[in-house]
């Protein structure tokens, strides 16, 4: 006695619309996407009609009257200095209020209130500490370029006239 196996029959429409990487048919994926879009659209419509509570636009934000201090720190040879510790305070105060570290491009920035004078101190290993005064009473921005001077007896910074290697 032999048994006949039933051959699987499939709809030719679904075979042509099936994606090769998906076990689901293309039609099911399209219907699920449409249902998802309508569900998100129905719930998201009130949010899109107006700004969220507590949202402030940039024209009326809290940073309108801020002063930007943008600084680039270089070595004595003109290379960007990564990791320079920079502290900032108002000129009449003793305690530093802001602190930042230079990135791989030697850049850092502070956003401070306008209308005061500030004192910035830049420190880096193997270099002398640099101090700069910044007047934030006029304008909106100050751009500083600081070239650090090496310490005289520092192993991190060889003297400028030292040989760079090889045999004399």
Protein backbone atom coordinates (compact mmCIF):
# COMPACT_ATOMS: atom_id res chain seq x y z
CA UNK A 1 0.00 0.00 0.00
CA UNK A 2 1.40 3.30 -1.01
CA UNK A 3 0.30 6.57 0.34
CA UNK A 4 0.19 9.66 -1.65
CA UNK A 5 1.62 12.78 -0.13
CA UNK A 6 -0.32 15.89 -0.63
CA UNK A 7 1.62 18.46 -2.56
CA UNK A 8 1.66 21.92 -1.03
CA UNK A 9 -0.15 24.35 -3.17
CA UNK A 10 0.58 28.01 -2.87
CA UNK A 11 -0.99 31.04 -4.31
CA UNK A 12 1.02 32.35 -7.28
CA UNK A 13 0.22 35.95 -6.20
CA UNK A 14 1.88 35.46 -2.81
CA UNK A 15 4.91 33.72 -4.27
CA UNK A 16 5.67 36.62 -6.56
CA UNK A 17 5.25 39.19 -3.78
CA UNK A 18 7.24 37.34 -1.11
CA UNK A 19 10.56 38.87 -0.08
CA UNK A 20 13.48 36.40 -0.24
CA UNK A 21 14.82 37.32 3.22
CA UNK A 22 11.50 37.40 5.06
CA UNK A 23 9.45 34.35 6.08
CA UNK A 24 6.32 36.54 5.90
CA UNK A 25 4.72 37.54 2.71
CA UNK A 26 5.17 41.02 1.35
CA UNK A 27 1.43 41.65 1.60
CA UNK A 28 1.41 40.98 5.36
CA UNK A 29 4.39 43.30 5.87
CA UNK A 30 2.71 46.07 3.88
CA UNK A 31 -0.51 45.73 5.89
CA UNK A 32 1.40 45.75 9.19
CA UNK A 33 3.31 48.88 8.14
CA UNK A 34 0.11 50.69 7.17
CA UNK A 35 -1.51 49.74 10.48
CA UNK A 36 1.56 50.97 12.39
CA UNK A 37 1.62 54.31 10.54
CA UNK A 38 -2.09 54.92 11.21
CA UNK A 39 -1.68 53.98 14.89
CA UNK A 40 1.28 56.30 15.39
CA UNK A 41 -0.39 59.05 13.37
CA UNK A 42 -3.58 58.87 15.43
CA UNK A 43 -1.72 59.08 18.73
CA UNK A 44 0.91 61.54 17.56
CA UNK A 45 -1.44 64.10 15.97
CA UNK A 46 -2.13 66.12 19.15
CA UNK A 47 1.60 66.28 19.91
CA UNK A 48 2.43 67.58 16.43
CA UNK A 49 -0.19 70.35 16.70
CA UNK A 50 1.83 72.37 19.23
CA UNK A 51 5.05 72.41 21.21
CA UNK A 52 5.48 70.21 24.25
CA UNK A 53 4.85 71.80 27.66
CA UNK A 54 7.98 73.48 29.00
CA UNK A 55 9.51 73.80 25.55
CA UNK A 56 11.19 77.12 24.85
CA UNK A 57 12.12 78.31 21.41
CA UNK A 58 15.65 79.56 20.80
CA UNK A 59 14.49 83.17 20.46
CA UNK A 60 13.01 83.24 23.96
CA UNK A 61 15.33 80.69 25.57
CA UNK A 62 17.44 81.15 28.65
CA UNK A 63 20.68 81.48 26.62
CA UNK A 64 19.70 84.68 24.80
CA UNK A 65 21.92 86.88 26.97
CA UNK A 66 24.87 84.50 27.21
CA UNK A 67 28.42 85.21 26.12
CA UNK A 68 30.34 82.48 24.30
CA UNK A 69 34.05 82.00 25.00
CA UNK A 70 35.55 79.75 22.32
CA UNK A 71 39.14 78.70 22.92
CA UNK A 72 41.70 76.71 20.91
CA UNK A 73 44.80 75.46 22.74
CA UNK A 74 48.03 74.68 20.87
CA UNK A 75 51.45 73.38 21.88
CA UNK A 76 54.57 75.48 21.39
CA UNK A 77 55.06 73.72 18.04
CA UNK A 78 51.58 74.53 16.77
CA UNK A 79 49.88 71.17 17.36
CA UNK A 80 46.42 70.95 18.93
CA UNK A 81 46.73 70.22 22.65
CA UNK A 82 44.36 67.51 23.86
CA UNK A 83 43.44 67.38 27.55
CA UNK A 84 44.30 70.94 28.60
CA UNK A 85 42.34 71.71 31.78
CA UNK A 86 40.69 75.11 31.58
CA UNK A 87 39.01 76.85 34.50
CA UNK A 88 37.00 80.06 34.39
CA UNK A 89 35.79 82.51 37.03
CA UNK A 90 34.53 86.05 37.31
CA UNK A 91 37.46 88.45 37.71
CA UNK A 92 36.31 89.65 41.16
CA UNK A 93 35.78 86.11 42.55
CA UNK A 94 38.29 83.69 44.04
CA UNK A 95 36.51 80.43 43.26
CA UNK A 96 36.39 78.98 39.75
CA UNK A 97 32.83 78.38 38.55
CA UNK A 98 33.35 76.65 35.20
CA UNK A 99 35.75 73.96 34.04
CA UNK A 100 36.38 72.24 30.69
CA UNK A 101 38.99 70.04 29.01
CA UNK A 102 40.18 70.57 25.43
CA UNK A 103 39.19 67.94 22.89
CA UNK A 104 41.37 66.26 20.23
CA UNK A 105 41.23 69.45 18.15
CA UNK A 106 42.41 71.48 21.15
CA UNK A 107 39.04 73.22 21.31
CA UNK A 108 36.69 74.03 24.17
CA UNK A 109 33.93 76.53 24.85
CA UNK A 110 32.15 78.18 27.77
CA UNK A 111 28.73 79.81 27.79
CA UNK A 112 28.63 82.46 30.55
CA UNK A 113 26.39 85.42 31.45
CA UNK A 114 27.14 88.71 29.69
CA UNK A 115 28.15 91.89 31.45
CA UNK A 116 31.17 90.80 33.48
CA UNK A 117 34.91 90.33 33.21
CA UNK A 118 36.26 86.79 33.43
CA UNK A 119 39.62 85.21 34.12
CA UNK A 120 40.55 81.95 32.41
CA UNK A 121 43.38 79.65 33.48
CA UNK A 122 44.72 76.92 31.17
CA UNK A 123 46.88 74.12 32.60
CA UNK A 124 48.48 71.18 30.83
CA UNK A 125 51.08 68.63 31.80
CA UNK A 126 54.55 69.72 30.74
CA UNK A 127 53.50 73.31 30.02
CA UNK A 128 53.40 76.57 31.94
CA UNK A 129 50.01 77.71 33.21
CA UNK A 130 48.47 80.45 31.03
CA UNK A 131 46.01 83.07 32.30
CA UNK A 132 43.80 85.30 30.14
CA UNK A 133 41.33 88.10 30.92
CA UNK A 134 38.07 88.17 28.96
CA UNK A 135 35.75 91.17 28.78
CA UNK A 136 32.17 89.93 28.29
CA UNK A 137 30.55 93.37 28.63
CA UNK A 138 30.51 94.07 24.88
CA UNK A 139 29.60 91.66 22.12
CA UNK A 140 28.35 88.10 22.18
CA UNK A 141 31.50 86.04 21.63
CA UNK A 142 35.24 85.90 22.27
CA UNK A 143 37.58 83.64 20.31
CA UNK A 144 40.90 82.90 21.98
CA UNK A 145 43.94 81.09 20.67
CA UNK A 146 46.37 79.99 23.36
CA UNK A 147 49.87 78.75 22.60
CA UNK A 148 51.25 76.91 25.61
CA UNK A 149 54.89 77.37 26.60
CA UNK A 150 56.82 74.25 27.67
CA UNK A 151 58.35 73.98 31.11
CA UNK A 152 62.14 74.35 30.98
CA UNK A 153 62.94 71.11 32.84
CA UNK A 154 59.99 69.02 31.65
CA UNK A 155 60.64 65.59 30.11
CA UNK A 156 57.34 65.91 28.20
CA UNK A 157 58.62 68.85 26.17
CA UNK A 158 62.14 68.48 24.72
CA UNK A 159 64.14 71.64 24.06
CA UNK A 160 63.62 73.24 20.66
CA UNK A 161 67.29 72.82 19.66
CA UNK A 162 67.53 69.13 20.73
CA UNK A 163 68.20 66.60 17.96
CA UNK A 164 65.13 64.71 16.82
CA UNK A 165 66.80 61.32 16.47
CA UNK A 166 69.19 59.37 14.32
CA UNK A 167 72.97 59.46 14.43
CA UNK A 168 74.86 62.76 14.19
